[in-house]
């Protein structure tokens, strides 16, 4: 089994948050290491050596966060700046993370249409996570299409429940190696429906 690390970053947690519900479910998945980085580092004093050991000890890195102003939350960005340092994660002698898998599990406030050339954000969603993707790939890791829930504050309760229920299935698939990574890689982003279709052996539309 692959060792899965979930790095959860949410600076504004509320009891009704979909992200918080996802986090609770992630903590119940056997074989998954769950880390709430805002709880561990409320003063942003990141323990670089500890975080680097965590990365070395795992095969799959999951970044779970809500999109904040078209980017990762501030502490997750600082985590990247400090932990993925030259000589460790990149550079001629720093490919210590090469070969690992990485995936971002993201919620957004905007709708699918908002993340289009015709929508309010004027660009596709893939443009806003390009810095994270480039960072992951520079470190020699394989970037998997992000697991996304758009309009997270406005979806109906059934859609929210489906997304939350699918999250541990995704983590289990990454842990067990039962997820078809090749088929997954054909998507720019994946939803709960996409993952259900992949699990059934059918390509999503």
N, C-alpha and C. Protein backbone atom coordinates (compact mmCIF):
# COMPACT_ATOMS: atom_id res chain seq x y z
N UNK A 1 0.84 -1.20 0.00
CA UNK A 1 0.00 0.00 0.00
C UNK A 1 0.87 1.25 0.00
N UNK A 2 0.40 2.28 -0.68
CA UNK A 2 1.10 3.56 -0.69
C UNK A 2 0.81 4.31 0.61
N UNK A 3 1.77 5.06 1.06
CA UNK A 3 1.60 5.88 2.26
C UNK A 3 1.12 7.27 1.82
N UNK A 4 -0.03 7.67 2.34
CA UNK A 4 -0.69 8.90 1.91
C UNK A 4 -0.62 9.95 3.00
N UNK A 5 -0.19 11.15 2.62
CA UNK A 5 -0.12 12.29 3.54
C UNK A 5 -1.10 13.35 3.07
N UNK A 6 -2.03 13.76 3.95
CA UNK A 6 -2.96 14.85 3.65
C UNK A 6 -2.52 16.09 4.41
N UNK A 7 -2.21 17.14 3.68
CA UNK A 7 -1.87 18.43 4.28
C UNK A 7 -3.08 19.35 4.10
N UNK A 8 -3.77 19.58 5.20
CA UNK A 8 -5.02 20.35 5.21
C UNK A 8 -4.72 21.79 5.61
N UNK A 9 -5.14 22.73 4.75
CA UNK A 9 -4.88 24.14 5.02
C UNK A 9 -6.15 24.95 4.86
N UNK A 10 -6.71 25.39 5.99
CA UNK A 10 -7.93 26.19 5.96
C UNK A 10 -7.90 27.18 7.12
N UNK A 11 -7.71 28.47 6.81
CA UNK A 11 -7.57 29.46 7.88
C UNK A 11 -8.90 29.94 8.47
N UNK A 12 -10.02 29.56 7.87
CA UNK A 12 -11.32 30.08 8.33
C UNK A 12 -12.31 28.93 8.48
N UNK A 13 -11.99 27.98 9.35
CA UNK A 13 -12.82 26.80 9.51
C UNK A 13 -14.10 27.12 10.27
N UNK A 14 -15.21 26.64 9.70
CA UNK A 14 -16.51 26.77 10.36
C UNK A 14 -17.15 25.39 10.47
N UNK A 15 -17.97 25.18 11.49
CA UNK A 15 -18.55 23.84 11.68
C UNK A 15 -19.28 23.30 10.45
N UNK A 16 -19.86 24.20 9.64
CA UNK A 16 -20.62 23.77 8.47
C UNK A 16 -19.76 23.67 7.21
N UNK A 17 -18.47 23.91 7.33
CA UNK A 17 -17.59 23.91 6.16
C UNK A 17 -17.51 22.54 5.52
N UNK A 18 -17.65 22.49 4.20
CA UNK A 18 -17.48 21.24 3.47
C UNK A 18 -16.05 20.73 3.63
N UNK A 19 -15.09 21.65 3.63
CA UNK A 19 -13.70 21.27 3.83
C UNK A 19 -13.49 20.58 5.17
N UNK A 20 -14.15 21.09 6.20
CA UNK A 20 -14.00 20.49 7.52
C UNK A 20 -14.64 19.09 7.55
N UNK A 21 -15.76 18.94 6.87
CA UNK A 21 -16.39 17.62 6.77
C UNK A 21 -15.46 16.65 6.03
N UNK A 22 -14.83 17.14 4.97
CA UNK A 22 -13.87 16.31 4.23
C UNK A 22 -12.70 15.93 5.13
N UNK A 23 -12.23 16.88 5.92
CA UNK A 23 -11.09 16.62 6.80
C UNK A 23 -11.43 15.54 7.81
N UNK A 24 -12.62 15.60 8.36
CA UNK A 24 -13.03 14.57 9.34
C UNK A 24 -13.04 13.19 8.69
N UNK A 25 -13.53 13.11 7.47
CA UNK A 25 -13.57 11.83 6.79
C UNK A 25 -12.15 11.33 6.47
N UNK A 26 -11.28 12.24 6.09
CA UNK A 26 -9.90 11.86 5.77
C UNK A 26 -9.21 11.25 6.99
N UNK A 27 -9.50 11.80 8.16
CA UNK A 27 -8.87 11.30 9.39
C UNK A 27 -9.32 9.89 9.74
N UNK A 28 -10.41 9.43 9.16
CA UNK A 28 -10.92 8.10 9.46
C UNK A 28 -10.40 7.03 8.51
N UNK A 29 -9.64 7.44 7.49
CA UNK A 29 -9.14 6.48 6.51
C UNK A 29 -7.85 5.84 7.03
N UNK A 30 -7.87 4.54 7.17
CA UNK A 30 -6.69 3.83 7.66
C UNK A 30 -5.51 4.01 6.72
N UNK A 31 -4.34 4.19 7.30
CA UNK A 31 -3.14 4.32 6.50
C UNK A 31 -2.89 5.70 5.95
N UNK A 32 -3.75 6.66 6.30
CA UNK A 32 -3.58 8.05 5.85
C UNK A 32 -3.11 8.90 7.02
N UNK A 33 -2.04 9.65 6.80
CA UNK A 33 -1.55 10.61 7.79
C UNK A 33 -2.19 11.96 7.51
N UNK A 34 -2.93 12.48 8.48
CA UNK A 34 -3.63 13.75 8.30
C UNK A 34 -2.96 14.84 9.14
N UNK A 35 -2.66 15.98 8.51
CA UNK A 35 -2.01 17.08 9.20
C UNK A 35 -2.78 18.38 8.92
N UNK A 36 -3.27 19.01 9.95
CA UNK A 36 -3.90 20.33 9.85
C UNK A 36 -2.80 21.35 10.10
N UNK A 37 -2.26 21.94 9.04
CA UNK A 37 -1.07 22.79 9.23
C UNK A 37 -1.40 24.10 9.95
N UNK A 38 -2.63 24.59 9.86
CA UNK A 38 -2.98 25.79 10.62
C UNK A 38 -3.07 25.48 12.11
N UNK A 39 -3.48 24.27 12.46
CA UNK A 39 -3.51 23.88 13.88
C UNK A 39 -2.09 23.66 14.40
N UNK A 40 -1.21 23.12 13.57
CA UNK A 40 0.16 22.85 14.00
C UNK A 40 1.02 24.10 14.04
N UNK A 41 0.75 25.02 13.14
CA UNK A 41 1.61 26.21 13.03
C UNK A 41 0.78 27.50 13.05
N UNK A 42 0.09 27.77 14.16
CA UNK A 42 -0.76 28.98 14.22
C UNK A 42 0.04 30.27 14.12
N UNK A 43 1.34 30.21 14.44
CA UNK A 43 2.20 31.39 14.32
C UNK A 43 3.08 31.35 13.07
N UNK A 44 2.78 30.41 12.17
CA UNK A 44 3.51 30.29 10.91
C UNK A 44 4.98 29.88 11.11
N UNK A 45 5.29 29.30 12.27
CA UNK A 45 6.67 28.90 12.56
C UNK A 45 6.88 27.44 12.15
N UNK A 46 6.96 27.22 10.86
CA UNK A 46 7.01 25.88 10.30
C UNK A 46 8.31 25.16 10.66
N UNK A 47 8.18 23.93 11.12
CA UNK A 47 9.33 23.08 11.42
C UNK A 47 9.74 22.41 10.11
N UNK A 48 10.72 22.98 9.44
CA UNK A 48 11.09 22.53 8.10
C UNK A 48 11.56 21.08 8.11
N UNK A 49 12.41 20.72 9.05
CA UNK A 49 12.93 19.36 9.08
C UNK A 49 11.82 18.33 9.31
N UNK A 50 10.87 18.64 10.18
CA UNK A 50 9.77 17.71 10.42
C UNK A 50 8.92 17.54 9.17
N UNK A 51 8.64 18.65 8.50
CA UNK A 51 7.82 18.58 7.30
C UNK A 51 8.54 17.83 6.18
N UNK A 52 9.83 18.01 6.07
CA UNK A 52 10.57 17.29 5.05
C UNK A 52 10.60 15.79 5.35
N UNK A 53 10.70 15.43 6.62
CA UNK A 53 10.65 14.01 6.99
C UNK A 53 9.29 13.41 6.64
N UNK A 54 8.25 14.18 6.88
CA UNK A 54 6.91 13.70 6.52
C UNK A 54 6.82 13.40 5.02
N UNK A 55 7.35 14.29 4.23
CA UNK A 55 7.31 14.08 2.79
C UNK A 55 8.10 12.84 2.38
N UNK A 56 9.26 12.66 2.97
CA UNK A 56 10.09 11.51 2.65
C UNK A 56 9.42 10.20 3.07
N UNK A 57 8.61 10.26 4.12
CA UNK A 57 7.98 9.06 4.67
C UNK A 57 6.70 8.65 3.94
N UNK A 58 6.27 9.44 2.96
CA UNK A 58 5.02 9.15 2.27
C UNK A 58 5.23 9.09 0.75
N UNK A 59 4.30 8.40 0.10
CA UNK A 59 4.38 8.20 -1.34
C UNK A 59 3.44 9.12 -2.11
N UNK A 60 2.35 9.51 -1.47
CA UNK A 60 1.34 10.35 -2.09
C UNK A 60 1.10 11.57 -1.20
N UNK A 61 1.19 12.76 -1.79
CA UNK A 61 0.98 14.00 -1.04
C UNK A 61 -0.32 14.64 -1.51
N UNK A 62 -1.23 14.85 -0.58
CA UNK A 62 -2.53 15.46 -0.88
C UNK A 62 -2.57 16.84 -0.25
N UNK A 63 -2.82 17.84 -1.07
CA UNK A 63 -2.99 19.21 -0.58
C UNK A 63 -4.48 19.51 -0.59
N UNK A 64 -5.08 19.65 0.60
CA UNK A 64 -6.51 19.94 0.69
C UNK A 64 -6.70 21.37 1.18
N UNK A 65 -7.42 22.17 0.38
CA UNK A 65 -7.60 23.57 0.77
C UNK A 65 -8.72 24.22 -0.05
N UNK A 66 -9.30 25.31 0.46
CA UNK A 66 -10.20 26.13 -0.35
C UNK A 66 -9.36 27.16 -1.10
N UNK A 67 -9.75 27.45 -2.32
CA UNK A 67 -9.03 28.46 -3.10
C UNK A 67 -9.25 29.83 -2.47
N UNK A 68 -8.17 30.52 -2.16
CA UNK A 68 -8.23 31.85 -1.55
C UNK A 68 -7.61 32.87 -2.51
N UNK A 69 -8.43 33.78 -3.01
CA UNK A 69 -7.93 34.80 -3.93
C UNK A 69 -7.05 34.18 -5.02
N UNK A 70 -7.61 33.13 -5.64
CA UNK A 70 -6.97 32.47 -6.79
C UNK A 70 -5.64 31.80 -6.44
N UNK A 71 -5.48 31.40 -5.21
CA UNK A 71 -4.21 30.80 -4.80
C UNK A 71 -4.45 29.89 -3.60
N UNK A 72 -3.37 29.31 -3.10
CA UNK A 72 -3.45 28.54 -1.87
C UNK A 72 -3.56 29.49 -0.68
N UNK A 73 -4.10 29.03 0.46
CA UNK A 73 -4.05 29.83 1.67
C UNK A 73 -2.61 30.19 2.04
N UNK A 74 -2.44 31.29 2.76
CA UNK A 74 -1.11 31.86 2.99
C UNK A 74 -0.13 30.89 3.66
N UNK A 75 -0.60 30.12 4.64
CA UNK A 75 0.31 29.22 5.34
C UNK A 75 0.79 28.09 4.42
N UNK A 76 -0.08 27.62 3.55
CA UNK A 76 0.34 26.58 2.61
C UNK A 76 1.37 27.13 1.63
N UNK A 77 1.22 28.38 1.24
CA UNK A 77 2.23 28.99 0.37
C UNK A 77 3.56 29.11 1.11
N UNK A 78 3.52 29.52 2.38
CA UNK A 78 4.75 29.60 3.15
C UNK A 78 5.36 28.22 3.34
N UNK A 79 4.50 27.22 3.54
CA UNK A 79 4.99 25.84 3.64
C UNK A 79 5.77 25.47 2.38
N UNK A 80 5.23 25.79 1.23
CA UNK A 80 5.93 25.51 -0.02
C UNK A 80 7.26 26.26 -0.08
N UNK A 81 7.24 27.53 0.27
CA UNK A 81 8.43 28.37 0.18
C UNK A 81 9.57 27.83 1.04
N UNK A 82 9.23 27.33 2.23
CA UNK A 82 10.26 26.92 3.18
C UNK A 82 10.62 25.43 3.08
N UNK A 83 9.62 24.59 2.92
CA UNK A 83 9.86 23.15 2.98
C UNK A 83 10.45 22.61 1.67
N UNK A 84 9.97 23.11 0.55
CA UNK A 84 10.42 22.61 -0.75
C UNK A 84 11.67 23.38 -1.20
N UNK A 85 12.67 23.34 -0.36
CA UNK A 85 13.85 24.17 -0.59
C UNK A 85 14.83 23.53 -1.58
N UNK A 86 15.67 24.38 -2.12
CA UNK A 86 16.73 23.97 -3.04
C UNK A 86 17.68 23.02 -2.31
N UNK A 87 18.04 21.96 -2.99
CA UNK A 87 18.90 20.96 -2.36
C UNK A 87 18.13 19.85 -1.69
N UNK A 88 16.83 20.07 -1.49
CA UNK A 88 15.95 19.02 -0.96
C UNK A 88 14.94 18.60 -2.02
N UNK A 89 14.11 19.53 -2.44
CA UNK A 89 13.04 19.20 -3.37
C UNK A 89 13.37 19.52 -4.82
N UNK A 90 14.37 20.34 -5.04
CA UNK A 90 14.75 20.66 -6.42
C UNK A 90 16.22 21.06 -6.46
N UNK A 91 16.72 21.18 -7.66
CA UNK A 91 18.15 21.44 -7.83
C UNK A 91 18.87 20.16 -8.26
N UNK A 92 20.10 20.29 -8.74
CA UNK A 92 20.83 19.12 -9.26
C UNK A 92 20.94 17.96 -8.29
N UNK A 93 21.04 18.26 -7.00
CA UNK A 93 21.19 17.20 -6.00
C UNK A 93 20.01 17.18 -5.02
N UNK A 94 18.88 17.72 -5.44
CA UNK A 94 17.76 17.86 -4.52
C UNK A 94 16.47 17.23 -4.96
N UNK A 95 16.54 16.14 -5.69
CA UNK A 95 15.32 15.50 -6.17
C UNK A 95 14.82 14.41 -5.21
N UNK A 96 14.73 14.75 -3.95
CA UNK A 96 14.36 13.74 -2.95
C UNK A 96 12.88 13.35 -3.00
N UNK A 97 12.09 14.13 -3.71
CA UNK A 97 10.66 13.83 -3.80
C UNK A 97 10.29 13.23 -5.16
N UNK A 98 11.27 13.03 -6.01
CA UNK A 98 11.01 12.55 -7.36
C UNK A 98 10.28 11.21 -7.33
N UNK A 99 9.27 11.10 -8.18
CA UNK A 99 8.52 9.85 -8.29
C UNK A 99 7.29 9.78 -7.42
N UNK A 100 7.13 10.69 -6.50
CA UNK A 100 5.93 10.68 -5.65
C UNK A 100 4.74 11.25 -6.43
N UNK A 101 3.55 10.91 -5.98
CA UNK A 101 2.33 11.47 -6.56
C UNK A 101 1.85 12.63 -5.70
N UNK A 102 1.25 13.62 -6.34
CA UNK A 102 0.67 14.76 -5.61
C UNK A 102 -0.66 15.13 -6.24
N UNK A 103 -1.61 15.45 -5.39
CA UNK A 103 -2.93 15.87 -5.87
C UNK A 103 -3.45 16.97 -4.96
N UNK A 104 -4.14 17.93 -5.56
CA UNK A 104 -4.78 19.00 -4.80
C UNK A 104 -6.28 18.73 -4.75
N UNK A 105 -6.85 18.81 -3.56
CA UNK A 105 -8.29 18.65 -3.35
C UNK A 105 -8.82 20.02 -2.95
N UNK A 106 -9.54 20.66 -3.86
CA UNK A 106 -9.82 22.09 -3.75
C UNK A 106 -11.32 22.37 -3.82
N UNK A 107 -11.76 23.30 -3.00
CA UNK A 107 -13.11 23.84 -3.14
C UNK A 107 -12.99 25.30 -3.58
N UNK A 108 -13.99 25.75 -4.35
CA UNK A 108 -13.99 27.14 -4.79
C UNK A 108 -15.32 27.79 -4.45
N UNK A 109 -15.33 29.11 -4.38
CA UNK A 109 -16.57 29.84 -4.19
C UNK A 109 -17.30 30.03 -5.50
N UNK A 110 -16.54 30.12 -6.59
CA UNK A 110 -17.13 30.36 -7.90
C UNK A 110 -17.63 29.10 -8.56
N UNK A 111 -18.54 29.28 -9.50
CA UNK A 111 -19.11 28.16 -10.23
C UNK A 111 -18.18 27.70 -11.35
N UNK A 112 -18.54 26.60 -11.99
CA UNK A 112 -17.77 26.13 -13.14
C UNK A 112 -17.72 27.21 -14.21
N UNK A 113 -18.86 27.86 -14.49
CA UNK A 113 -18.90 28.91 -15.50
C UNK A 113 -18.01 30.09 -15.12
N UNK A 114 -17.94 30.41 -13.82
CA UNK A 114 -17.08 31.52 -13.39
C UNK A 114 -15.64 31.29 -13.81
N UNK A 115 -15.23 30.00 -13.85
CA UNK A 115 -13.86 29.68 -14.23
C UNK A 115 -13.82 29.31 -15.71
N UNK A 116 -14.11 30.30 -16.54
CA UNK A 116 -14.07 30.14 -17.99
C UNK A 116 -13.77 31.50 -18.58
N UNK A 117 -13.47 31.52 -19.87
CA UNK A 117 -13.18 32.81 -20.52
C UNK A 117 -14.41 33.71 -20.54
N UNK A 118 -15.59 33.09 -20.50
CA UNK A 118 -16.83 33.88 -20.51
C UNK A 118 -17.30 34.25 -19.11
N UNK A 119 -16.73 33.62 -18.09
CA UNK A 119 -17.19 33.82 -16.72
C UNK A 119 -16.53 34.98 -16.02
N UNK A 120 -16.92 35.17 -14.78
CA UNK A 120 -16.45 36.32 -14.02
C UNK A 120 -14.94 36.33 -13.77
N UNK A 121 -14.32 35.16 -13.72
CA UNK A 121 -12.87 35.10 -13.46
C UNK A 121 -12.02 35.14 -14.73
N UNK A 122 -12.69 35.06 -15.89
CA UNK A 122 -12.08 35.30 -17.21
C UNK A 122 -11.02 34.28 -17.63
N UNK A 123 -10.77 33.28 -16.81
CA UNK A 123 -9.77 32.27 -17.14
C UNK A 123 -10.24 30.91 -16.64
N UNK A 124 -9.80 29.83 -17.28
CA UNK A 124 -10.15 28.50 -16.79
C UNK A 124 -9.49 28.22 -15.44
N UNK A 125 -10.08 27.31 -14.70
CA UNK A 125 -9.58 26.98 -13.37
C UNK A 125 -8.12 26.53 -13.40
N UNK A 126 -7.73 25.82 -14.44
CA UNK A 126 -6.35 25.31 -14.53
C UNK A 126 -5.31 26.42 -14.47
N UNK A 127 -5.66 27.62 -14.90
CA UNK A 127 -4.71 28.73 -14.86
C UNK A 127 -4.39 29.15 -13.43
N UNK A 128 -5.36 29.03 -12.54
CA UNK A 128 -5.17 29.51 -11.17
C UNK A 128 -4.37 28.54 -10.31
N UNK A 129 -4.31 27.28 -10.72
CA UNK A 129 -3.49 26.33 -9.96
C UNK A 129 -2.19 26.01 -10.67
N UNK A 130 -1.90 26.75 -11.74
CA UNK A 130 -0.66 26.51 -12.47
C UNK A 130 0.59 26.66 -11.60
N UNK A 131 0.69 27.68 -10.72
CA UNK A 131 1.89 27.77 -9.87
C UNK A 131 2.10 26.52 -8.99
N UNK A 132 1.01 25.98 -8.44
CA UNK A 132 1.14 24.77 -7.63
C UNK A 132 1.55 23.59 -8.49
N UNK A 133 0.95 23.49 -9.66
CA UNK A 133 1.32 22.39 -10.57
C UNK A 133 2.78 22.48 -10.97
N UNK A 134 3.23 23.67 -11.33
CA UNK A 134 4.62 23.84 -11.75
C UNK A 134 5.58 23.52 -10.60
N UNK A 135 5.20 23.91 -9.39
CA UNK A 135 6.02 23.61 -8.21
C UNK A 135 6.16 22.11 -8.03
N UNK A 136 5.03 21.41 -8.10
CA UNK A 136 5.04 19.96 -7.92
C UNK A 136 5.89 19.29 -8.99
N UNK A 137 5.73 19.72 -10.23
CA UNK A 137 6.48 19.09 -11.31
C UNK A 137 7.95 19.43 -11.27
N UNK A 138 8.30 20.63 -10.84
CA UNK A 138 9.71 21.00 -10.69
C UNK A 138 10.39 20.12 -9.65
N UNK A 139 9.61 19.69 -8.66
CA UNK A 139 10.15 18.81 -7.62
C UNK A 139 10.20 17.35 -8.05
N UNK A 140 9.85 17.08 -9.30
CA UNK A 140 9.94 15.73 -9.82
C UNK A 140 8.77 14.84 -9.47
N UNK A 141 7.72 15.42 -8.89
CA UNK A 141 6.53 14.64 -8.55
C UNK A 141 5.56 14.63 -9.72
N UNK A 142 4.67 13.67 -9.73
CA UNK A 142 3.62 13.60 -10.74
C UNK A 142 2.39 14.33 -10.24
N UNK A 143 1.95 15.31 -11.00
CA UNK A 143 0.79 16.11 -10.64
C UNK A 143 -0.47 15.45 -11.18
N UNK A 144 -1.34 15.01 -10.30
CA UNK A 144 -2.62 14.43 -10.71
C UNK A 144 -3.67 15.52 -10.83
N UNK A 145 -4.64 15.37 -11.72
CA UNK A 145 -5.70 16.38 -11.84
C UNK A 145 -6.38 16.62 -10.50
N UNK A 146 -6.64 17.87 -10.16
CA UNK A 146 -7.22 18.17 -8.85
C UNK A 146 -8.66 17.67 -8.71
N UNK A 147 -8.99 17.28 -7.50
CA UNK A 147 -10.35 16.89 -7.12
C UNK A 147 -11.05 18.16 -6.67
N UNK A 148 -12.07 18.60 -7.41
CA UNK A 148 -12.60 19.95 -7.23
C UNK A 148 -14.11 19.93 -6.98
N UNK A 149 -14.53 20.81 -6.08
CA UNK A 149 -15.95 21.12 -5.91
C UNK A 149 -16.11 22.62 -6.10
N UNK A 150 -16.74 23.02 -7.20
CA UNK A 150 -16.99 24.43 -7.46
C UNK A 150 -18.25 24.90 -6.74
N UNK A 151 -18.32 26.21 -6.50
CA UNK A 151 -19.48 26.82 -5.84
C UNK A 151 -19.81 26.09 -4.54
N UNK A 152 -18.76 25.80 -3.77
CA UNK A 152 -18.92 24.96 -2.58
C UNK A 152 -19.88 25.56 -1.55
N UNK A 153 -20.02 26.88 -1.54
CA UNK A 153 -20.91 27.51 -0.57
C UNK A 153 -22.37 27.52 -1.03
N UNK A 154 -22.59 27.06 -2.26
CA UNK A 154 -23.94 27.17 -2.83
C UNK A 154 -24.50 25.86 -3.35
N UNK A 155 -23.73 24.79 -3.32
CA UNK A 155 -24.24 23.52 -3.83
C UNK A 155 -25.31 22.98 -2.90
N UNK A 156 -26.20 22.17 -3.46
CA UNK A 156 -27.25 21.59 -2.62
C UNK A 156 -26.66 20.53 -1.70
N UNK A 157 -27.42 20.17 -0.68
CA UNK A 157 -26.91 19.26 0.35
C UNK A 157 -26.55 17.89 -0.22
N UNK A 158 -27.28 17.45 -1.24
CA UNK A 158 -26.99 16.15 -1.85
C UNK A 158 -25.64 16.16 -2.56
N UNK A 159 -25.36 17.24 -3.30
CA UNK A 159 -24.08 17.35 -4.01
C UNK A 159 -22.92 17.47 -3.02
N UNK A 160 -23.14 18.22 -1.95
CA UNK A 160 -22.10 18.37 -0.93
C UNK A 160 -21.81 17.03 -0.28
N UNK A 161 -22.86 16.28 0.05
CA UNK A 161 -22.67 14.97 0.68
C UNK A 161 -21.94 14.02 -0.25
N UNK A 162 -22.30 14.03 -1.52
CA UNK A 162 -21.64 13.15 -2.48
C UNK A 162 -20.15 13.46 -2.56
N UNK A 163 -19.82 14.75 -2.58
CA UNK A 163 -18.41 15.14 -2.66
C UNK A 163 -17.65 14.69 -1.41
N UNK A 164 -18.24 14.94 -0.26
CA UNK A 164 -17.60 14.54 1.01
C UNK A 164 -17.45 13.02 1.07
N UNK A 165 -18.47 12.29 0.65
CA UNK A 165 -18.43 10.83 0.69
C UNK A 165 -17.41 10.26 -0.29
N UNK A 166 -17.16 10.98 -1.38
CA UNK A 166 -16.22 10.49 -2.40
C UNK A 166 -14.77 10.71 -1.99
N UNK A 167 -14.54 11.69 -1.14
CA UNK A 167 -13.17 12.03 -0.75
C UNK A 167 -12.42 10.84 -0.14
N UNK A 168 -12.98 10.14 0.86
CA UNK A 168 -12.25 8.98 1.38
C UNK A 168 -12.07 7.88 0.36
N UNK A 169 -12.99 7.77 -0.61
CA UNK A 169 -12.84 6.77 -1.67
C UNK A 169 -11.62 7.11 -2.53
N UNK A 170 -11.44 8.40 -2.81
CA UNK A 170 -10.25 8.86 -3.53
C UNK A 170 -8.99 8.52 -2.76
N UNK A 171 -8.98 8.81 -1.47
CA UNK A 171 -7.80 8.55 -0.64
C UNK A 171 -7.50 7.05 -0.58
N UNK A 172 -8.54 6.25 -0.47
CA UNK A 172 -8.35 4.80 -0.43
C UNK A 172 -7.80 4.29 -1.76
N UNK A 173 -8.28 4.86 -2.86
CA UNK A 173 -7.78 4.46 -4.17
C UNK A 173 -6.32 4.81 -4.36
N UNK A 174 -5.92 5.98 -3.85
CA UNK A 174 -4.51 6.38 -3.90
C UNK A 174 -3.66 5.49 -3.00
N UNK A 175 -4.21 5.13 -1.86
CA UNK A 175 -3.49 4.27 -0.91
C UNK A 175 -3.31 2.86 -1.46
N UNK A 176 -4.37 2.32 -2.04
CA UNK A 176 -4.36 0.93 -2.46
C UNK A 176 -3.81 0.73 -3.87
N UNK A 177 -3.65 1.84 -4.61
CA UNK A 177 -3.21 1.71 -6.00
C UNK A 177 -4.30 1.22 -6.92
N UNK A 178 -5.57 1.28 -6.46
CA UNK A 178 -6.69 0.81 -7.27
C UNK A 178 -7.23 1.88 -8.21
N UNK A 179 -6.77 3.12 -8.07
CA UNK A 179 -7.22 4.20 -8.93
C UNK A 179 -6.43 4.18 -10.23
N UNK A 180 -7.11 4.26 -11.35
CA UNK A 180 -6.46 4.25 -12.66
C UNK A 180 -5.83 5.62 -12.90
N UNK A 181 -4.55 5.74 -12.59
CA UNK A 181 -3.85 7.02 -12.70
C UNK A 181 -3.80 7.50 -14.15
N UNK A 182 -3.64 6.54 -15.07
CA UNK A 182 -3.58 6.92 -16.49
C UNK A 182 -4.89 7.54 -16.95
N UNK A 183 -6.01 6.91 -16.60
CA UNK A 183 -7.32 7.44 -16.97
C UNK A 183 -7.59 8.76 -16.26
N UNK A 184 -7.19 8.85 -15.01
CA UNK A 184 -7.36 10.08 -14.25
C UNK A 184 -6.62 11.23 -14.92
N UNK A 185 -5.43 10.94 -15.43
CA UNK A 185 -4.60 11.97 -16.03
C UNK A 185 -5.14 12.57 -17.30
N UNK A 186 -6.20 11.98 -17.87
CA UNK A 186 -6.81 12.54 -19.08
C UNK A 186 -7.69 13.75 -18.77
N UNK A 187 -7.95 13.98 -17.50
CA UNK A 187 -8.84 15.08 -17.09
C UNK A 187 -8.03 16.29 -16.65
N UNK A 188 -8.60 17.48 -16.84
CA UNK A 188 -7.99 18.70 -16.29
C UNK A 188 -8.29 18.82 -14.80
N UNK A 189 -9.46 18.37 -14.42
CA UNK A 189 -9.88 18.33 -13.03
C UNK A 189 -10.92 17.23 -12.91
N UNK A 190 -11.13 16.74 -11.70
CA UNK A 190 -12.10 15.65 -11.52
C UNK A 190 -13.10 16.02 -10.44
N UNK A 191 -14.31 15.54 -10.62
CA UNK A 191 -15.39 15.73 -9.65
C UNK A 191 -15.74 14.37 -9.05
N UNK A 192 -16.65 14.39 -8.12
CA UNK A 192 -17.12 13.15 -7.52
C UNK A 192 -17.73 12.24 -8.59
N UNK A 193 -18.44 12.82 -9.52
CA UNK A 193 -19.03 12.02 -10.61
C UNK A 193 -17.95 11.39 -11.47
N UNK A 194 -16.92 12.16 -11.81
CA UNK A 194 -15.82 11.61 -12.62
C UNK A 194 -15.19 10.41 -11.93
N UNK A 195 -14.95 10.53 -10.63
CA UNK A 195 -14.30 9.45 -9.89
C UNK A 195 -15.19 8.21 -9.84
N UNK A 196 -16.50 8.42 -9.72
CA UNK A 196 -17.42 7.29 -9.71
C UNK A 196 -17.38 6.56 -11.04
N UNK A 197 -17.30 7.31 -12.13
CA UNK A 197 -17.25 6.71 -13.46
C UNK A 197 -15.92 6.01 -13.69
N UNK A 198 -14.84 6.59 -13.19
CA UNK A 198 -13.54 5.94 -13.29
C UNK A 198 -13.51 4.64 -12.50
N UNK A 199 -14.14 4.66 -11.34
CA UNK A 199 -14.19 3.46 -10.52
C UNK A 199 -14.97 2.35 -11.19
N UNK A 200 -15.97 2.75 -12.02
CA UNK A 200 -16.77 1.77 -12.75
C UNK A 200 -16.10 1.34 -14.05
N UNK A 201 -14.94 1.95 -14.35
CA UNK A 201 -14.23 1.61 -15.57
C UNK A 201 -14.73 2.35 -16.79
N UNK A 202 -15.48 3.44 -16.55
CA UNK A 202 -16.00 4.24 -17.67
C UNK A 202 -15.36 5.61 -17.63
N UNK A 203 -15.02 6.14 -18.80
CA UNK A 203 -14.48 7.49 -18.89
C UNK A 203 -15.62 8.49 -18.71
N UNK A 204 -15.33 9.55 -17.94
CA UNK A 204 -16.34 10.60 -17.76
C UNK A 204 -16.42 11.46 -19.01
N UNK A 205 -17.61 12.06 -19.23
CA UNK A 205 -17.76 12.96 -20.36
C UNK A 205 -17.15 14.32 -20.05
